[in-house]
Amino acid sequence: MRYKIENEYIAVEAITKGAEAKSMVMKETGQEYLWPGDEENWGRSTPLLFPIVGRMHEKHFKHKGEKYFLKYHGFARESIYDVQSIEPNKIVFTLTDTPERLEVYPFKFLLEVIYELPQGEKCLQVTWRVHNKSDEEMYFSIGGHPGFLFPHGDMEGCKIAYLDKKGKVLENLQSIVSLVINADGLLAGETVEIPMENGIMPAVENTEKYDTILVNEKEIGGLGLCDREGNIVAKVLSDAPYWGIWREHTPGSQFLCYEPWFGVCGEVGFCGEIKDKLAIERIPVGGCWENGFKIEL
């Protein structure tokens, strides 16, 4: 099912599969900002990564000595959600544990995905609430993966701006250190320094050279896609500790993903317990974890 919410500036459409936003249009101009997804290039638009981000070493993690096998990026992006509530400018999707999900992820949970268009603002607020329904501490990762259309349908000359917590360009940045993700989708224990100029770097050239750029810098509060004139057309702001940048290298893929991650892919050789995994989030019994990101136009 497909649902629409809107405020005076923006209209957003989202579907129950993956609780995925498929369209974000500026009403005054009719401009679409999200990649709609297609089978030839990349079939997704804004998938949710949960309960893991990326891949695990040997495709599994351990909990209390037992092995659990999860697909790349987890099951949330493939699942059908319930609609808990819908208002003109807000929709709440929910996903919970099932016997099948408990076979690959041993924690009982309730996940809420909330899309809200605040009145009077040109932004979409995406909120995630993860409730621990187990009788033990819960461990998980979660991440956003929004794909934005290149301005004017042209990737040439587009750039990425690194932003501070207030959404301002970090003009002091002349380079950024990216964690290296190997061909198996795992952290290789290496880093690479990527040059930039006053907080801004070429988008296409760097994603072709490094494939996935993954940074972990405390001062970064967001990323922005700039057109060839240097104007930021869409910002993603979040408290996420990790930020990924990626695009599909097919001729028709006119989009770029910049992704706030609370968690990270597995490390080469790590076969330990999920509680000991790098950057894992945790919730006490009966607790609720809440965060997310905001898209500003």
C-alpha atoms as a PDB file:
ATOM      1  CA  MET A   1       0.000   0.000   0.000  1.00  0.00           C
ATOM      2  CA  ARG A   2       1.075   3.551  -0.770  1.00  0.00           C
ATOM      3  CA  TYR A   3       0.247   6.513   1.460  1.00  0.00           C
ATOM      4  CA  LYS A   4       0.637  10.272   1.064  1.00  0.00           C
ATOM      5  CA  ILE A   5       1.297  12.966   3.639  1.00  0.00           C
ATOM      6  CA  GLU A   6       1.875  16.661   3.049  1.00  0.00           C
ATOM      7  CA  ASN A   7       2.235  20.112   4.526  1.00  0.00           C
ATOM      8  CA  GLU A   8       2.053  23.465   2.737  1.00  0.00           C
ATOM      9  CA  TYR A   9       5.464  22.936   1.068  1.00  0.00           C
ATOM     10  CA  ILE A  10       6.171  19.232   0.594  1.00  0.00           C
ATOM     11  CA  ALA A  11       4.314  16.037  -0.343  1.00  0.00           C
ATOM     12  CA  VAL A  12       5.776  12.642   0.618  1.00  0.00           C
ATOM     13  CA  GLU A  13       4.629   9.182  -0.447  1.00  0.00           C
ATOM     14  CA  ALA A  14       5.600   6.056   1.482  1.00  0.00           C
ATOM     15  CA  ILE A  15       4.801   2.359   1.138  1.00  0.00           C
ATOM     16  CA  THR A  16       4.205  -0.442   3.622  1.00  0.00           C
ATOM     17  CA  LYS A  17       7.008  -2.604   2.182  1.00  0.00           C
ATOM     18  CA  GLY A  18      10.066  -1.544   4.125  1.00  0.00           C
ATOM     19  CA  ALA A  19       8.222   1.543   5.460  1.00  0.00           C
ATOM     20  CA  GLU A  20      10.060   3.203   2.584  1.00  0.00           C
ATOM     21  CA  ALA A  21       9.561   6.783   1.410  1.00  0.00           C
ATOM     22  CA  LYS A  22       9.328   6.649  -2.398  1.00  0.00           C
ATOM     23  CA  SER A  23       8.693  10.287  -3.292  1.00  0.00           C
ATOM     24  CA  MET A  24       9.420  13.728  -1.851  1.00  0.00           C
ATOM     25  CA  VAL A  25       8.126  16.586  -3.985  1.00  0.00           C
ATOM     26  CA  MET A  26       8.331  20.342  -3.528  1.00  0.00           C
ATOM     27  CA  LYS A  27       4.719  21.317  -4.220  1.00  0.00           C
ATOM     28  CA  GLU A  28       5.423  24.796  -5.578  1.00  0.00           C
ATOM     29  CA  THR A  29       7.853  23.618  -8.274  1.00  0.00           C
ATOM     30  CA  GLY A  30       6.879  19.962  -8.707  1.00  0.00           C
ATOM     31  CA  GLN A  31      10.515  18.966  -8.256  1.00  0.00           C
ATOM     32  CA  GLU A  32      11.112  15.376  -7.127  1.00  0.00           C
ATOM     33  CA  TYR A  33      14.051  14.808  -4.753  1.00  0.00           C
ATOM     34  CA  LEU A  34      14.048  11.039  -4.128  1.00  0.00           C
ATOM     35  CA  TRP A  35      15.197   8.344  -6.514  1.00  0.00           C
ATOM     36  CA  PRO A  36      12.021   6.339  -7.298  1.00  0.00           C
ATOM     37  CA  GLY A  37      13.818   2.998  -7.696  1.00  0.00           C
ATOM     38  CA  ASP A  38      13.974   0.788 -10.780  1.00  0.00           C
ATOM     39  CA  GLU A  39      15.070  -2.750 -11.556  1.00  0.00           C
ATOM     40  CA  GLU A  40      17.866  -1.829 -13.967  1.00  0.00           C
ATOM     41  CA  ASN A  41      19.787   0.415 -11.589  1.00  0.00           C
ATOM     42  CA  TRP A  42      18.710   0.317  -7.933  1.00  0.00           C
ATOM     43  CA  GLY A  43      15.268  -0.842  -6.927  1.00  0.00           C
ATOM     44  CA  ARG A  44      15.079   1.073  -3.664  1.00  0.00           C
ATOM     45  CA  SER A  45      14.607   4.691  -2.590  1.00  0.00           C
ATOM     46  CA  THR A  46      15.075   5.042   1.183  1.00  0.00           C
ATOM     47  CA  PRO A  47      15.552   1.562   2.693  1.00  0.00           C
ATOM     48  CA  LEU A  48      15.785   1.130   6.457  1.00  0.00           C
ATOM     49  CA  LEU A  49      18.731  -0.910   7.716  1.00  0.00           C
ATOM     50  CA  PHE A  50      17.777  -2.959  10.798  1.00  0.00           C
ATOM     51  CA  PRO A  51      18.664  -4.872  12.970  1.00  0.00           C
ATOM     52  CA  ILE A  52      22.134  -4.742  11.424  1.00  0.00           C
ATOM     53  CA  VAL A  53      23.898  -2.325   9.111  1.00  0.00           C
ATOM     54  CA  GLY A  54      25.933  -3.842   6.295  1.00  0.00           C
ATOM     55  CA  ARG A  55      27.294  -7.380   6.354  1.00  0.00           C
ATOM     56  CA  MET A  56      28.593  -9.610   9.130  1.00  0.00           C
ATOM     57  CA  HIS A  57      31.706 -11.742   8.953  1.00  0.00           C
ATOM     58  CA  GLU A  58      30.663 -15.147   7.578  1.00  0.00           C
ATOM     59  CA  LYS A  59      27.098 -13.708   7.411  1.00  0.00           C
ATOM     60  CA  HIS A  60      26.265 -14.318  11.056  1.00  0.00           C
ATOM     61  CA  PHE A  61      26.587 -13.018  14.601  1.00  0.00           C
ATOM     62  CA  LYS A  62      26.516 -14.828  17.931  1.00  0.00           C
ATOM     63  CA  HIS A  63      24.303 -14.362  20.958  1.00  0.00           C
ATOM     64  CA  LYS A  64      25.007 -16.512  24.017  1.00  0.00           C
ATOM     65  CA  GLY A  65      27.101 -18.771  21.835  1.00  0.00           C
ATOM     66  CA  GLU A  66      24.365 -19.399  19.247  1.00  0.00           C
ATOM     67  CA  LYS A  67      24.825 -18.350  15.618  1.00  0.00           C
ATOM     68  CA  TYR A  68      22.190 -16.210  13.890  1.00  0.00           C
ATOM     69  CA  PHE A  69      22.297 -15.647  10.139  1.00  0.00           C
ATOM     70  CA  LEU A  70      21.012 -12.296   8.885  1.00  0.00           C
ATOM     71  CA  LYS A  71      20.850 -11.001   5.333  1.00  0.00           C
ATOM     72  CA  TYR A  72      22.808  -7.943   4.223  1.00  0.00           C
ATOM     73  CA  HIS A  73      21.374  -4.869   6.018  1.00  0.00           C
ATOM     74  CA  GLY A  74      18.881  -7.035   7.939  1.00  0.00           C
ATOM     75  CA  PHE A  75      15.215  -7.808   7.296  1.00  0.00           C
ATOM     76  CA  ALA A  76      13.496  -4.445   7.902  1.00  0.00           C
ATOM     77  CA  ARG A  77      13.830  -3.219   4.320  1.00  0.00           C
ATOM     78  CA  GLU A  78      12.063  -6.335   2.952  1.00  0.00           C
ATOM     79  CA  SER A  79       9.292  -6.559   5.543  1.00  0.00           C
ATOM     80  CA  ILE A  80       5.666  -5.443   5.290  1.00  0.00           C
ATOM     81  CA  TYR A  81       4.781  -2.936   8.014  1.00  0.00           C
ATOM     82  CA  ASP A  82       1.486  -2.145   9.681  1.00  0.00           C
ATOM     83  CA  VAL A  83       0.154   1.409   9.645  1.00  0.00           C
ATOM     84  CA  GLN A  84      -0.396   2.373  13.269  1.00  0.00           C
ATOM     85  CA  SER A  85      -1.804   5.821  12.493  1.00  0.00           C
ATOM     86  CA  ILE A  86      -2.025   8.379   9.714  1.00  0.00           C
ATOM     87  CA  GLU A  87      -2.680  12.120   9.768  1.00  0.00           C
ATOM     88  CA  PRO A  88      -2.515  14.666   6.929  1.00  0.00           C
ATOM     89  CA  ASN A  89       1.167  15.387   7.678  1.00  0.00           C
ATOM     90  CA  LYS A  90       2.261  12.296   9.618  1.00  0.00           C
ATOM     91  CA  ILE A  91       2.291   8.510   9.307  1.00  0.00           C
ATOM     92  CA  VAL A  92       3.482   5.859  11.765  1.00  0.00           C
ATOM     93  CA  PHE A  93       4.561   2.408  10.516  1.00  0.00           C
ATOM     94  CA  THR A  94       5.232  -0.501  12.900  1.00  0.00           C
ATOM     95  CA  LEU A  95       7.120  -3.780  12.682  1.00  0.00           C
ATOM     96  CA  THR A  96       7.466  -6.410  15.376  1.00  0.00           C
ATOM     97  CA  ASP A  97       9.099  -9.778  15.964  1.00  0.00           C
ATOM     98  CA  THR A  98       7.625 -12.952  14.489  1.00  0.00           C
ATOM     99  CA  PRO A  99       8.650 -16.605  14.897  1.00  0.00           C
ATOM    100  CA  GLU A 100      10.484 -16.356  11.561  1.00  0.00           C
ATOM    101  CA  ARG A 101      12.359 -13.206  12.576  1.00  0.00           C
ATOM    102  CA  LEU A 102      13.285 -14.674  15.958  1.00  0.00           C
ATOM    103  CA  GLU A 103      15.085 -17.464  14.098  1.00  0.00           C
ATOM    104  CA  VAL A 104      17.548 -14.930  12.635  1.00  0.00           C
ATOM    105  CA  TYR A 105      17.412 -12.267  15.369  1.00  0.00           C
ATOM    106  CA  PRO A 106      16.753 -13.504  18.931  1.00  0.00           C
ATOM    107  CA  PHE A 107      15.262 -10.349  20.469  1.00  0.00           C
ATOM    108  CA  LYS A 108      11.590  -9.449  20.774  1.00  0.00           C
ATOM    109  CA  PHE A 109      11.031  -5.898  19.596  1.00  0.00           C
ATOM    110  CA  LEU A 110       8.646  -3.259  18.323  1.00  0.00           C
ATOM    111  CA  LEU A 111       9.990  -0.870  15.682  1.00  0.00           C
ATOM    112  CA  GLU A 112       8.170   2.371  14.894  1.00  0.00           C
ATOM    113  CA  VAL A 113       9.053   4.351  11.762  1.00  0.00           C
ATOM    114  CA  ILE A 114       7.534   7.827  11.804  1.00  0.00           C
ATOM    115  CA  TYR A 115       7.414  10.254   8.886  1.00  0.00           C
ATOM    116  CA  GLU A 116       6.319  13.779   9.742  1.00  0.00           C
ATOM    117  CA  LEU A 117       6.199  17.006   7.741  1.00  0.00           C
ATOM    118  CA  PRO A 118       6.222  19.788  10.358  1.00  0.00           C
ATOM    119  CA  GLN A 119       3.896  22.654   9.537  1.00  0.00           C
ATOM    120  CA  GLY A 120       5.671  25.716   8.179  1.00  0.00           C
ATOM    121  CA  GLU A 121       8.924  23.846   7.440  1.00  0.00           C
ATOM    122  CA  LYS A 122      10.520  22.536   4.243  1.00  0.00           C
ATOM    123  CA  CYS A 123      11.692  19.322   5.841  1.00  0.00           C
ATOM    124  CA  LEU A 124      10.814  15.703   6.523  1.00  0.00           C
ATOM    125  CA  GLN A 125      11.462  14.360  10.014  1.00  0.00           C
ATOM    126  CA  VAL A 126      12.143  10.621  10.140  1.00  0.00           C
ATOM    127  CA  THR A 127      11.979   9.126  13.635  1.00  0.00           C
ATOM    128  CA  TRP A 128      12.843   5.571  14.652  1.00  0.00           C
ATOM    129  CA  ARG A 129      11.681   4.120  17.960  1.00  0.00           C
ATOM    130  CA  VAL A 130      12.957   0.685  18.940  1.00  0.00           C
ATOM    131  CA  HIS A 131      11.226  -0.935  21.923  1.00  0.00           C
ATOM    132  CA  ASN A 132      12.845  -3.860  23.711  1.00  0.00           C
ATOM    133  CA  LYS A 133      10.156  -6.471  24.444  1.00  0.00           C
ATOM    134  CA  SER A 134      12.654  -9.160  25.477  1.00  0.00           C
ATOM    135  CA  ASP A 135      13.505 -10.174  29.029  1.00  0.00           C
ATOM    136  CA  GLU A 136      17.162  -9.288  28.438  1.00  0.00           C
ATOM    137  CA  GLU A 137      19.242  -6.421  27.083  1.00  0.00           C
ATOM    138  CA  MET A 138      18.755  -5.958  23.347  1.00  0.00           C
ATOM    139  CA  TYR A 139      21.531  -5.284  20.804  1.00  0.00           C
ATOM    140  CA  PHE A 140      21.022  -3.817  17.339  1.00  0.00           C
ATOM    141  CA  SER A 141      22.135  -1.376  14.657  1.00  0.00           C
ATOM    142  CA  ILE A 142      19.954   0.878  12.538  1.00  0.00           C
ATOM    143  CA  GLY A 143      20.583   3.189   9.620  1.00  0.00           C
ATOM    144  CA  GLY A 144      19.011   5.305   6.918  1.00  0.00           C
ATOM    145  CA  HIS A 145      19.818   4.910   3.213  1.00  0.00           C
ATOM    146  CA  PRO A 146      18.056   7.761   1.339  1.00  0.00           C
ATOM    147  CA  GLY A 147      18.846   8.107  -2.363  1.00  0.00           C
ATOM    148  CA  PHE A 148      18.646  11.606  -3.839  1.00  0.00           C
ATOM    149  CA  LEU A 149      18.259  12.463  -7.503  1.00  0.00           C
ATOM    150  CA  PHE A 150      21.110  14.460  -8.981  1.00  0.00           C
ATOM    151  CA  PRO A 151      19.947  18.052  -9.580  1.00  0.00           C
ATOM    152  CA  HIS A 152      18.660  18.642 -13.115  1.00  0.00           C
ATOM    153  CA  GLY A 153      19.251  14.930 -13.862  1.00  0.00           C
ATOM    154  CA  ASP A 154      22.961  15.603 -14.306  1.00  0.00           C
ATOM    155  CA  MET A 155      25.625  14.179 -12.012  1.00  0.00           C
ATOM    156  CA  GLU A 156      28.489  16.110 -13.578  1.00  0.00           C
ATOM    157  CA  GLY A 157      29.834  18.799 -11.296  1.00  0.00           C
ATOM    158  CA  CYS A 158      27.759  17.741  -8.290  1.00  0.00           C
ATOM    159  CA  LYS A 159      29.454  17.868  -4.904  1.00  0.00           C
ATOM    160  CA  ILE A 160      28.991  16.692  -1.332  1.00  0.00           C
ATOM    161  CA  ALA A 161      29.096  19.179   1.539  1.00  0.00           C
ATOM    162  CA  TYR A 162      30.000  18.083   5.061  1.00  0.00           C
ATOM    163  CA  LEU A 163      27.836  19.895   7.601  1.00  0.00           C
ATOM    164  CA  ASP A 164      27.997  20.651  11.308  1.00  0.00           C
ATOM    165  CA  LYS A 165      25.234  19.949  13.835  1.00  0.00           C
ATOM    166  CA  LYS A 166      23.417  23.134  12.765  1.00  0.00           C
ATOM    167  CA  GLY A 167      23.536  22.284   9.067  1.00  0.00           C
ATOM    168  CA  LYS A 168      26.329  24.729   8.203  1.00  0.00           C
ATOM    169  CA  VAL A 169      29.192  23.721   5.908  1.00  0.00           C
ATOM    170  CA  LEU A 170      32.326  22.681   7.823  1.00  0.00           C
ATOM    171  CA  GLU A 171      34.584  25.077   5.949  1.00  0.00           C
ATOM    172  CA  ASN A 172      37.588  24.128   8.093  1.00  0.00           C
ATOM    173  CA  LEU A 173      37.637  20.596   6.618  1.00  0.00           C
ATOM    174  CA  GLN A 174      40.306  20.082   3.960  1.00  0.00           C
ATOM    175  CA  SER A 175      40.208  16.282   4.101  1.00  0.00           C
ATOM    176  CA  ILE A 176      38.236  13.452   5.644  1.00  0.00           C
ATOM    177  CA  VAL A 177      39.299  10.000   6.825  1.00  0.00           C
ATOM    178  CA  SER A 178      37.162   7.170   5.461  1.00  0.00           C
ATOM    179  CA  LEU A 179      37.060   3.661   6.852  1.00  0.00           C
ATOM    180  CA  VAL A 180      37.855   1.073   4.178  1.00  0.00           C
ATOM    181  CA  ILE A 181      35.117  -1.442   3.358  1.00  0.00           C
ATOM    182  CA  ASN A 182      36.543  -4.381   1.428  1.00  0.00           C
ATOM    183  CA  ALA A 183      35.006  -6.326  -1.469  1.00  0.00           C
ATOM    184  CA  ASP A 184      33.168  -8.565   1.016  1.00  0.00           C
ATOM    185  CA  GLY A 185      31.456  -5.546   2.597  1.00  0.00           C
ATOM    186  CA  LEU A 186      33.492  -5.740   5.815  1.00  0.00           C
ATOM    187  CA  LEU A 187      35.687  -3.277   7.670  1.00  0.00           C
ATOM    188  CA  ALA A 188      39.252  -4.102   6.735  1.00  0.00           C
ATOM    189  CA  GLY A 189      40.933  -2.238   9.605  1.00  0.00           C
ATOM    190  CA  GLU A 190      42.308   0.354   7.194  1.00  0.00           C
ATOM    191  CA  THR A 191      41.579   3.999   6.455  1.00  0.00           C
ATOM    192  CA  VAL A 192      42.085   6.355   3.540  1.00  0.00           C
ATOM    193  CA  GLU A 193      42.351  10.140   3.613  1.00  0.00           C
ATOM    194  CA  ILE A 194      40.172  11.887   1.024  1.00  0.00           C
ATOM    195  CA  PRO A 195      40.978  15.508   0.170  1.00  0.00           C
ATOM    196  CA  MET A 196      38.331  18.212  -0.120  1.00  0.00           C
ATOM    197  CA  GLU A 197      38.161  21.978  -0.264  1.00  0.00           C
ATOM    198  CA  ASN A 198      36.526  23.933   2.559  1.00  0.00           C
ATOM    199  CA  GLY A 199      34.206  21.104   3.550  1.00  0.00           C
ATOM    200  CA  ILE A 200      33.117  20.235   0.007  1.00  0.00           C
ATOM    201  CA  MET A 201      34.283  17.422  -2.268  1.00  0.00           C
ATOM    202  CA  PRO A 202      33.349  16.119  -5.746  1.00  0.00           C
ATOM    203  CA  ALA A 203      30.595  13.512  -5.511  1.00  0.00           C
ATOM    204  CA  VAL A 204      30.995  11.404  -8.631  1.00  0.00           C
ATOM    205  CA  GLU A 205      34.788  11.237  -8.754  1.00  0.00           C
ATOM    206  CA  ASN A 206      35.093  10.119  -5.142  1.00  0.00           C
ATOM    207  CA  THR A 207      32.322   7.510  -5.243  1.00  0.00           C
ATOM    208  CA  GLU A 208      33.890   6.052  -8.388  1.00  0.00           C
ATOM    209  CA  LYS A 209      37.301   5.901  -6.737  1.00  0.00           C
ATOM    210  CA  TYR A 210      36.319   4.687  -3.259  1.00  0.00           C
ATOM    211  CA  ASP A 211      32.899   3.043  -3.905  1.00  0.00           C
ATOM    212  CA  THR A 212      31.580   3.483  -0.341  1.00  0.00           C
ATOM    213  CA  ILE A 213      32.850   6.374   1.756  1.00  0.00           C
ATOM    214  CA  LEU A 214      32.313   5.825   5.493  1.00  0.00           C
ATOM    215  CA  VAL A 215      33.287   8.454   8.051  1.00  0.00           C
ATOM    216  CA  ASN A 216      33.146   8.657  11.835  1.00  0.00           C
ATOM    217  CA  GLU A 217      33.831  12.239  12.941  1.00  0.00           C
ATOM    218  CA  LYS A 218      32.121  13.824  15.953  1.00  0.00           C
ATOM    219  CA  GLU A 219      31.841  17.268  14.396  1.00  0.00           C
ATOM    220  CA  ILE A 220      29.836  16.027  11.399  1.00  0.00           C
ATOM    221  CA  GLY A 221      26.094  16.520  11.838  1.00  0.00           C
ATOM    222  CA  GLY A 222      24.974  16.036   8.271  1.00  0.00           C
ATOM    223  CA  LEU A 223      25.674  15.898   4.559  1.00  0.00           C
ATOM    224  CA  GLY A 224      24.327  17.927   1.657  1.00  0.00           C
ATOM    225  CA  LEU A 225      24.134  17.384  -2.110  1.00  0.00           C
ATOM    226  CA  CYS A 226      25.276  20.431  -4.088  1.00  0.00           C
ATOM    227  CA  ASP A 227      24.428  21.238  -7.688  1.00  0.00           C
ATOM    228  CA  ARG A 228      27.129  22.354 -10.126  1.00  0.00           C
ATOM    229  CA  GLU A 229      26.649  25.985  -9.028  1.00  0.00           C
ATOM    230  CA  GLY A 230      27.462  24.966  -5.451  1.00  0.00           C
ATOM    231  CA  ASN A 231      23.943  25.310  -4.027  1.00  0.00           C
ATOM    232  CA  ILE A 232      22.891  22.685  -1.497  1.00  0.00           C
ATOM    233  CA  VAL A 233      19.654  21.157  -2.775  1.00  0.00           C
ATOM    234  CA  ALA A 234      19.009  18.574  -0.024  1.00  0.00           C
ATOM    235  CA  LYS A 235      20.482  18.135   3.443  1.00  0.00           C
ATOM    236  CA  VAL A 236      20.371  15.104   5.728  1.00  0.00           C
ATOM    237  CA  LEU A 237      20.919  15.987   9.397  1.00  0.00           C
ATOM    238  CA  SER A 238      21.299  13.489  12.238  1.00  0.00           C
ATOM    239  CA  ASP A 239      23.096  12.622  15.474  1.00  0.00           C
ATOM    240  CA  ALA A 240      24.361   9.442  13.803  1.00  0.00           C
ATOM    241  CA  PRO A 241      28.010   8.617  14.588  1.00  0.00           C
ATOM    242  CA  TYR A 242      28.678   7.147  11.120  1.00  0.00           C
ATOM    243  CA  TRP A 243      27.943   8.564   7.669  1.00  0.00           C
ATOM    244  CA  GLY A 244      28.059   6.589   4.436  1.00  0.00           C
ATOM    245  CA  ILE A 245      28.133   7.878   0.848  1.00  0.00           C
ATOM    246  CA  TRP A 246      27.371   5.476  -2.015  1.00  0.00           C
ATOM    247  CA  ARG A 247      25.904   5.270  -5.496  1.00  0.00           C
ATOM    248  CA  GLU A 248      25.207   2.505  -8.001  1.00  0.00           C
ATOM    249  CA  HIS A 249      27.658   2.496 -10.925  1.00  0.00           C
ATOM    250  CA  THR A 250      25.194   1.800 -13.729  1.00  0.00           C
ATOM    251  CA  PRO A 251      24.571   4.116 -16.708  1.00  0.00           C
ATOM    252  CA  GLY A 252      21.041   5.032 -15.642  1.00  0.00           C
ATOM    253  CA  SER A 253      21.659   5.594 -11.931  1.00  0.00           C
ATOM    254  CA  GLN A 254      21.154   9.317 -11.502  1.00  0.00           C
ATOM    255  CA  PHE A 255      21.221   9.367  -7.721  1.00  0.00           C
ATOM    256  CA  LEU A 256      23.470   9.542  -4.683  1.00  0.00           C
ATOM    257  CA  CYS A 257      22.889   8.018  -1.233  1.00  0.00           C
ATOM    258  CA  TYR A 258      24.167   9.698   1.896  1.00  0.00           C
ATOM    259  CA  GLU A 259      23.362   7.641   4.917  1.00  0.00           C
ATOM    260  CA  PRO A 260      23.207   8.206   8.705  1.00  0.00           C
ATOM    261  CA  TRP A 261      24.180   5.002  10.513  1.00  0.00           C
ATOM    262  CA  PHE A 262      23.848   4.067  14.174  1.00  0.00           C
ATOM    263  CA  GLY A 263      26.118   1.081  13.810  1.00  0.00           C
ATOM    264  CA  VAL A 264      28.469  -0.210  11.174  1.00  0.00           C
ATOM    265  CA  CYS A 265      29.214  -3.322   9.118  1.00  0.00           C
ATOM    266  CA  GLY A 266      31.182  -6.212  10.579  1.00  0.00           C
ATOM    267  CA  GLU A 267      34.935  -6.316  10.952  1.00  0.00           C
ATOM    268  CA  VAL A 268      37.076  -8.831   9.101  1.00  0.00           C
ATOM    269  CA  GLY A 269      37.579 -11.841  11.361  1.00  0.00           C
ATOM    270  CA  PHE A 270      35.120 -10.777  14.088  1.00  0.00           C
ATOM    271  CA  CYS A 271      33.146 -13.854  15.157  1.00  0.00           C
ATOM    272  CA  GLY A 272      32.300 -12.795  18.686  1.00  0.00           C
ATOM    273  CA  GLU A 273      29.093 -11.991  20.521  1.00  0.00           C
ATOM    274  CA  ILE A 274      26.846  -9.263  19.147  1.00  0.00           C
ATOM    275  CA  LYS A 275      27.160  -7.359  22.441  1.00  0.00           C
ATOM    276  CA  ASP A 276      30.868  -6.940  21.699  1.00  0.00           C
ATOM    277  CA  LYS A 277      30.427  -5.793  18.099  1.00  0.00           C
ATOM    278  CA  LEU A 278      31.832  -2.419  17.092  1.00  0.00           C
ATOM    279  CA  ALA A 279      29.367   0.487  17.528  1.00  0.00           C
ATOM    280  CA  ILE A 280      26.460  -1.692  18.634  1.00  0.00           C
ATOM    281  CA  GLU A 281      23.394   0.012  20.148  1.00  0.00           C
ATOM    282  CA  ARG A 282      21.726  -1.468  23.216  1.00  0.00           C
ATOM    283  CA  ILE A 283      18.405  -1.145  25.051  1.00  0.00           C
ATOM    284  CA  PRO A 284      17.691  -2.303  28.608  1.00  0.00           C
ATOM    285  CA  VAL A 285      14.739  -4.557  29.395  1.00  0.00           C
ATOM    286  CA  GLY A 286      11.519  -2.612  28.818  1.00  0.00           C
ATOM    287  CA  GLY A 287      13.419   0.337  27.354  1.00  0.00           C
ATOM    288  CA  CYS A 288      12.967   2.389  24.199  1.00  0.00           C
ATOM    289  CA  TRP A 289      15.668   3.823  21.906  1.00  0.00           C
ATOM    290  CA  GLU A 290      14.732   6.846  19.777  1.00  0.00           C
ATOM    291  CA  ASN A 291      16.596   8.738  17.075  1.00  0.00           C
ATOM    292  CA  GLY A 292      16.496   9.239  13.312  1.00  0.00           C
ATOM    293  CA  PHE A 293      17.269  11.947  10.767  1.00  0.00           C
ATOM    294  CA  LYS A 294      15.848  14.974   9.012  1.00  0.00           C
ATOM    295  CA  ILE A 295      15.788  15.863   5.331  1.00  0.00           C
ATOM    296  CA  GLU A 296      15.861  19.617   4.688  1.00  0.00           C
ATOM    297  CA  LEU A 297      15.136  21.090   1.262  1.00  0.00           C
END
